[in-house]
Amino acid sequence: MARTKRATNPIQLCWLGMFGRIEHGDPMPACEGRLVRCHLIPKQVLKRNGGHPEDPRGWVWGCGGVTGVGGHHGMLDSARTLSLPRDAIPPGTEELALELGLMWWLDRTYGERT
C-alpha cells in the first residue's frame, strides 16, 4: 500500500500556538516536537458528511510533541486544555464547513461567529 506524501509547511509555524487559548488563562506553553496536521474538523466528521480528510481547508499545522499526538495538538484533541476562538478559524475551514453543511458543528465546537 502506497504511503501518502507528507505535506510540507513552508512557514514552519505552529498555528495552534499562535491562535489557541489555554484554559483558566494560563500562559501558552512553548511548542515541542515536529509540526503535524491538526484537523479542526475531525476526519470522521468530514468523511461522514462527504468531505475528504486530506482537504487542506480542514486542518492546520500544530506542534505534535515527541509522538505527533502531544504538544499543542494533544492539548487540543486529547487533553482539551487548548481551545480556539471562533474568530481564529481560517476562512477555508469555514468554507469547507459551509459546503458540507457543518456550520452547526463549528458553532457547537468553537462558538458562534461574532
N, C-alpha and C. Protein backbone atom coordinates (compact mmCIF):
# COMPACT_ATOMS: atom_id res chain seq x y z
N MET A 1 0.84 -1.17 0.00
CA MET A 1 0.00 0.00 0.00
C MET A 1 0.89 1.24 0.00
N ALA A 2 0.65 2.16 -0.90
CA ALA A 2 1.47 3.36 -1.02
C ALA A 2 1.17 4.34 0.11
N ARG A 3 2.20 4.96 0.62
CA ARG A 3 2.02 5.95 1.67
C ARG A 3 1.66 7.29 1.06
N THR A 4 0.85 8.05 1.77
CA THR A 4 0.50 9.38 1.32
C THR A 4 1.71 10.28 1.46
N LYS A 5 1.96 11.08 0.46
CA LYS A 5 3.09 12.00 0.51
C LYS A 5 2.83 13.04 1.60
N ARG A 6 3.82 13.26 2.44
CA ARG A 6 3.69 14.24 3.50
C ARG A 6 3.69 15.64 2.94
N ALA A 7 2.78 16.44 3.43
CA ALA A 7 2.78 17.84 3.05
C ALA A 7 3.87 18.56 3.83
N THR A 8 4.34 19.64 3.29
CA THR A 8 5.36 20.40 4.00
C THR A 8 4.79 21.76 4.37
N ASN A 9 5.29 22.29 5.44
CA ASN A 9 4.86 23.59 5.92
C ASN A 9 5.97 24.58 5.63
N PRO A 10 5.82 25.39 4.58
CA PRO A 10 6.90 26.32 4.22
C PRO A 10 7.13 27.40 5.27
N ILE A 11 6.14 27.68 6.09
CA ILE A 11 6.26 28.74 7.08
C ILE A 11 6.88 28.23 8.39
N GLN A 12 6.68 26.96 8.71
CA GLN A 12 7.24 26.34 9.91
C GLN A 12 6.75 26.99 11.20
N LEU A 13 5.45 27.25 11.30
CA LEU A 13 4.86 27.82 12.49
C LEU A 13 3.74 26.93 13.01
N CYS A 14 3.63 26.86 14.30
CA CYS A 14 2.54 26.13 14.93
C CYS A 14 1.33 27.07 15.00
N TRP A 15 0.34 26.80 14.17
CA TRP A 15 -0.86 27.63 14.11
C TRP A 15 -1.60 27.61 15.45
N LEU A 16 -1.65 26.44 16.09
CA LEU A 16 -2.35 26.31 17.37
C LEU A 16 -1.67 27.15 18.45
N GLY A 17 -0.35 27.20 18.42
CA GLY A 17 0.38 28.01 19.39
C GLY A 17 0.15 29.50 19.19
N MET A 18 -0.11 29.91 17.95
CA MET A 18 -0.33 31.32 17.65
C MET A 18 -1.74 31.78 18.01
N PHE A 19 -2.75 30.92 17.77
CA PHE A 19 -4.14 31.35 17.91
C PHE A 19 -4.89 30.70 19.06
N GLY A 20 -4.33 29.65 19.66
CA GLY A 20 -5.04 28.93 20.71
C GLY A 20 -5.04 29.68 22.03
N ARG A 21 -5.96 29.26 22.90
CA ARG A 21 -6.05 29.80 24.25
C ARG A 21 -6.01 28.63 25.23
N ILE A 22 -5.30 28.79 26.32
CA ILE A 22 -5.20 27.76 27.35
C ILE A 22 -6.25 28.02 28.41
N GLU A 23 -6.84 26.92 28.94
CA GLU A 23 -7.89 27.07 29.94
C GLU A 23 -7.37 27.83 31.16
N HIS A 24 -8.28 28.50 31.85
CA HIS A 24 -8.00 29.26 33.07
C HIS A 24 -7.06 30.43 32.82
N GLY A 25 -6.83 30.80 31.56
CA GLY A 25 -5.96 31.92 31.25
C GLY A 25 -4.48 31.66 31.49
N ASP A 26 -4.12 30.39 31.63
CA ASP A 26 -2.71 30.05 31.84
C ASP A 26 -1.90 30.44 30.61
N PRO A 27 -0.60 30.68 30.78
CA PRO A 27 0.24 31.04 29.63
C PRO A 27 0.39 29.86 28.66
N MET A 28 0.53 30.20 27.40
CA MET A 28 0.71 29.18 26.36
C MET A 28 2.08 28.54 26.52
N PRO A 29 2.15 27.22 26.66
CA PRO A 29 3.46 26.58 26.75
C PRO A 29 4.19 26.63 25.41
N ALA A 30 5.49 26.49 25.47
CA ALA A 30 6.31 26.51 24.26
C ALA A 30 5.97 25.31 23.37
N CYS A 31 6.20 25.47 22.09
CA CYS A 31 5.98 24.37 21.15
C CYS A 31 7.00 23.27 21.41
N GLU A 32 6.59 22.04 21.10
CA GLU A 32 7.52 20.91 21.21
C GLU A 32 7.22 19.91 20.11
N GLY A 33 8.28 19.31 19.58
CA GLY A 33 8.13 18.30 18.55
C GLY A 33 7.94 18.88 17.16
N ARG A 34 7.80 17.96 16.22
CA ARG A 34 7.65 18.37 14.82
C ARG A 34 6.22 18.84 14.56
N LEU A 35 6.04 19.54 13.46
CA LEU A 35 4.72 20.00 13.08
C LEU A 35 3.94 18.87 12.42
N VAL A 36 2.67 18.77 12.78
CA VAL A 36 1.78 17.75 12.23
C VAL A 36 0.47 18.42 11.81
N ARG A 37 -0.31 17.70 11.02
CA ARG A 37 -1.63 18.19 10.63
C ARG A 37 -2.59 18.04 11.80
N CYS A 38 -3.25 19.12 12.12
CA CYS A 38 -4.22 19.12 13.22
C CYS A 38 -5.58 19.46 12.61
N HIS A 39 -6.46 18.49 12.61
CA HIS A 39 -7.77 18.70 11.98
C HIS A 39 -8.66 19.55 12.87
N LEU A 40 -9.16 20.65 12.31
CA LEU A 40 -10.11 21.50 13.02
C LEU A 40 -11.51 20.92 12.94
N ILE A 41 -11.76 20.14 11.91
CA ILE A 41 -12.97 19.32 11.79
C ILE A 41 -12.45 17.89 11.73
N PRO A 42 -12.83 17.05 12.70
CA PRO A 42 -12.29 15.68 12.74
C PRO A 42 -12.48 14.92 11.44
N LYS A 43 -11.51 14.05 11.16
CA LYS A 43 -11.54 13.26 9.92
C LYS A 43 -12.85 12.48 9.79
N GLN A 44 -13.32 11.88 10.89
CA GLN A 44 -14.55 11.09 10.84
C GLN A 44 -15.75 11.95 10.45
N VAL A 45 -15.80 13.18 10.98
CA VAL A 45 -16.91 14.09 10.66
C VAL A 45 -16.85 14.47 9.18
N LEU A 46 -15.65 14.73 8.68
CA LEU A 46 -15.51 15.06 7.25
C LEU A 46 -15.98 13.90 6.39
N LYS A 47 -15.49 12.69 6.68
CA LYS A 47 -15.86 11.51 5.88
C LYS A 47 -17.37 11.27 5.91
N ARG A 48 -17.94 11.33 7.09
CA ARG A 48 -19.37 11.04 7.26
C ARG A 48 -20.25 12.02 6.49
N ASN A 49 -19.71 13.22 6.23
CA ASN A 49 -20.51 14.24 5.56
C ASN A 49 -20.05 14.52 4.13
N GLY A 50 -19.30 13.58 3.54
CA GLY A 50 -18.93 13.69 2.13
C GLY A 50 -17.65 14.46 1.87
N GLY A 51 -16.91 14.80 2.89
CA GLY A 51 -15.65 15.52 2.71
C GLY A 51 -14.48 14.54 2.65
N HIS A 52 -13.31 15.08 2.42
CA HIS A 52 -12.09 14.26 2.35
C HIS A 52 -11.14 14.73 3.45
N PRO A 53 -10.63 13.81 4.26
CA PRO A 53 -9.75 14.19 5.37
C PRO A 53 -8.48 14.91 4.94
N GLU A 54 -8.06 14.74 3.70
CA GLU A 54 -6.83 15.38 3.24
C GLU A 54 -7.07 16.79 2.68
N ASP A 55 -8.32 17.24 2.67
CA ASP A 55 -8.62 18.59 2.18
C ASP A 55 -7.88 19.59 3.08
N PRO A 56 -6.98 20.39 2.52
CA PRO A 56 -6.17 21.29 3.35
C PRO A 56 -6.98 22.36 4.07
N ARG A 57 -8.23 22.55 3.69
CA ARG A 57 -9.06 23.52 4.39
C ARG A 57 -9.51 23.00 5.75
N GLY A 58 -9.40 21.70 5.98
CA GLY A 58 -9.89 21.10 7.22
C GLY A 58 -8.87 20.97 8.32
N TRP A 59 -7.62 21.35 8.05
CA TRP A 59 -6.58 21.20 9.07
C TRP A 59 -5.60 22.36 9.04
N VAL A 60 -4.86 22.49 10.13
CA VAL A 60 -3.80 23.50 10.26
C VAL A 60 -2.55 22.80 10.80
N TRP A 61 -1.41 23.48 10.76
CA TRP A 61 -0.18 22.93 11.32
C TRP A 61 -0.13 23.20 12.81
N GLY A 62 0.31 22.21 13.57
CA GLY A 62 0.50 22.37 15.00
C GLY A 62 1.61 21.46 15.48
N CYS A 63 2.27 21.86 16.55
CA CYS A 63 3.34 21.00 17.07
C CYS A 63 2.71 19.76 17.69
N GLY A 64 3.36 18.63 17.48
CA GLY A 64 2.79 17.36 17.91
C GLY A 64 3.55 16.64 19.00
N GLY A 65 4.50 17.32 19.61
CA GLY A 65 5.28 16.66 20.65
C GLY A 65 6.15 15.55 20.09
N VAL A 66 6.60 14.67 20.93
CA VAL A 66 7.51 13.60 20.54
C VAL A 66 6.84 12.60 19.60
N THR A 67 5.57 12.27 19.87
CA THR A 67 4.89 11.22 19.12
C THR A 67 3.98 11.72 18.00
N GLY A 68 3.72 13.01 17.96
CA GLY A 68 2.80 13.55 16.96
C GLY A 68 1.42 13.82 17.54
N VAL A 69 1.14 13.24 18.71
CA VAL A 69 -0.17 13.47 19.34
C VAL A 69 -0.02 14.22 20.66
N GLY A 70 1.15 14.82 20.87
CA GLY A 70 1.39 15.61 22.07
C GLY A 70 1.40 17.08 21.70
N GLY A 71 2.19 17.87 22.39
CA GLY A 71 2.31 19.29 22.10
C GLY A 71 0.96 19.99 22.08
N HIS A 72 0.87 21.05 21.30
CA HIS A 72 -0.40 21.78 21.20
C HIS A 72 -1.49 20.93 20.54
N HIS A 73 -1.09 20.02 19.63
CA HIS A 73 -2.05 19.12 19.01
C HIS A 73 -2.76 18.28 20.06
N GLY A 74 -2.00 17.69 20.97
CA GLY A 74 -2.58 16.89 22.04
C GLY A 74 -3.42 17.71 23.00
N MET A 75 -3.00 18.95 23.22
CA MET A 75 -3.77 19.83 24.10
C MET A 75 -5.13 20.16 23.51
N LEU A 76 -5.21 20.22 22.19
CA LEU A 76 -6.48 20.50 21.51
C LEU A 76 -7.33 19.23 21.42
N ASP A 77 -6.75 18.13 20.95
CA ASP A 77 -7.52 16.91 20.69
C ASP A 77 -7.77 16.03 21.90
N SER A 78 -6.76 15.81 22.71
CA SER A 78 -6.87 14.82 23.79
C SER A 78 -7.17 15.45 25.14
N ALA A 79 -6.29 16.32 25.59
CA ALA A 79 -6.45 16.91 26.92
C ALA A 79 -7.55 17.96 26.96
N ARG A 80 -7.87 18.54 25.83
CA ARG A 80 -8.89 19.59 25.74
C ARG A 80 -8.58 20.80 26.63
N THR A 81 -7.28 21.07 26.82
CA THR A 81 -6.90 22.24 27.62
C THR A 81 -6.61 23.45 26.74
N LEU A 82 -6.54 23.24 25.42
CA LEU A 82 -6.34 24.33 24.48
C LEU A 82 -7.63 24.47 23.68
N SER A 83 -8.10 25.70 23.57
CA SER A 83 -9.31 25.95 22.77
C SER A 83 -8.99 27.01 21.73
N LEU A 84 -9.85 27.10 20.76
CA LEU A 84 -9.69 28.09 19.70
C LEU A 84 -10.92 28.98 19.66
N PRO A 85 -10.72 30.29 19.59
CA PRO A 85 -11.87 31.17 19.42
C PRO A 85 -12.40 31.04 17.99
N ARG A 86 -13.68 31.16 17.84
CA ARG A 86 -14.28 31.01 16.51
C ARG A 86 -13.71 31.99 15.50
N ASP A 87 -13.39 33.19 15.94
CA ASP A 87 -12.85 34.19 15.03
C ASP A 87 -11.48 33.80 14.48
N ALA A 88 -10.81 32.84 15.12
CA ALA A 88 -9.49 32.40 14.66
C ALA A 88 -9.58 31.29 13.62
N ILE A 89 -10.75 30.69 13.44
CA ILE A 89 -10.89 29.60 12.48
C ILE A 89 -10.64 30.15 11.07
N PRO A 90 -9.76 29.52 10.30
CA PRO A 90 -9.44 30.04 8.96
C PRO A 90 -10.66 30.10 8.04
N PRO A 91 -10.69 31.07 7.15
CA PRO A 91 -11.81 31.19 6.20
C PRO A 91 -12.02 29.92 5.38
N GLY A 92 -10.95 29.22 5.02
CA GLY A 92 -11.08 27.99 4.26
C GLY A 92 -11.83 26.91 5.03
N THR A 93 -11.62 26.84 6.33
CA THR A 93 -12.33 25.87 7.16
C THR A 93 -13.81 26.22 7.22
N GLU A 94 -14.09 27.51 7.34
CA GLU A 94 -15.49 27.98 7.34
C GLU A 94 -16.15 27.61 6.00
N GLU A 95 -15.42 27.81 4.90
CA GLU A 95 -15.93 27.49 3.57
C GLU A 95 -16.22 25.99 3.44
N LEU A 96 -15.30 25.17 3.90
CA LEU A 96 -15.48 23.72 3.85
C LEU A 96 -16.70 23.31 4.67
N ALA A 97 -16.83 23.87 5.87
CA ALA A 97 -17.98 23.54 6.71
C ALA A 97 -19.29 23.95 6.04
N LEU A 98 -19.30 25.08 5.38
CA LEU A 98 -20.50 25.54 4.68
C LEU A 98 -20.85 24.58 3.54
N GLU A 99 -19.84 24.16 2.76
CA GLU A 99 -20.06 23.23 1.66
C GLU A 99 -20.63 21.90 2.13
N LEU A 100 -20.17 21.43 3.30
CA LEU A 100 -20.59 20.12 3.81
C LEU A 100 -21.78 20.19 4.77
N GLY A 101 -22.31 21.37 4.99
CA GLY A 101 -23.43 21.52 5.92
C GLY A 101 -23.00 21.32 7.36
N LEU A 102 -21.80 21.76 7.70
CA LEU A 102 -21.26 21.55 9.04
C LEU A 102 -21.07 22.84 9.84
N MET A 103 -21.75 23.89 9.44
CA MET A 103 -21.63 25.13 10.22
C MET A 103 -22.13 24.92 11.65
N TRP A 104 -23.14 24.08 11.81
CA TRP A 104 -23.65 23.77 13.16
C TRP A 104 -22.53 23.16 14.01
N TRP A 105 -21.67 22.34 13.38
CA TRP A 105 -20.59 21.69 14.11
C TRP A 105 -19.56 22.72 14.57
N LEU A 106 -19.23 23.67 13.67
CA LEU A 106 -18.30 24.73 14.06
C LEU A 106 -18.90 25.58 15.18
N ASP A 107 -20.20 25.89 15.08
CA ASP A 107 -20.87 26.67 16.13
C ASP A 107 -20.79 25.96 17.47
N ARG A 108 -21.05 24.66 17.47
CA ARG A 108 -21.05 23.89 18.71
C ARG A 108 -19.65 23.75 19.29
N THR A 109 -18.66 23.56 18.43
CA THR A 109 -17.30 23.28 18.89
C THR A 109 -16.51 24.54 19.22
N TYR A 110 -16.63 25.57 18.40
CA TYR A 110 -15.81 26.77 18.57
C TYR A 110 -16.61 28.01 18.95
N GLY A 111 -17.91 27.87 19.11
CA GLY A 111 -18.77 29.01 19.42
C GLY A 111 -19.32 29.64 18.15
N GLU A 112 -20.36 30.41 18.32
CA GLU A 112 -20.97 31.06 17.16
C GLU A 112 -20.11 32.21 16.69
N ARG A 113 -20.20 32.47 15.39
CA ARG A 113 -19.44 33.57 14.77
C ARG A 113 -19.95 34.89 15.30
N THR A 114 -19.01 35.81 15.58
CA THR A 114 -19.43 37.14 16.07
C THR A 114 -19.44 38.15 14.96
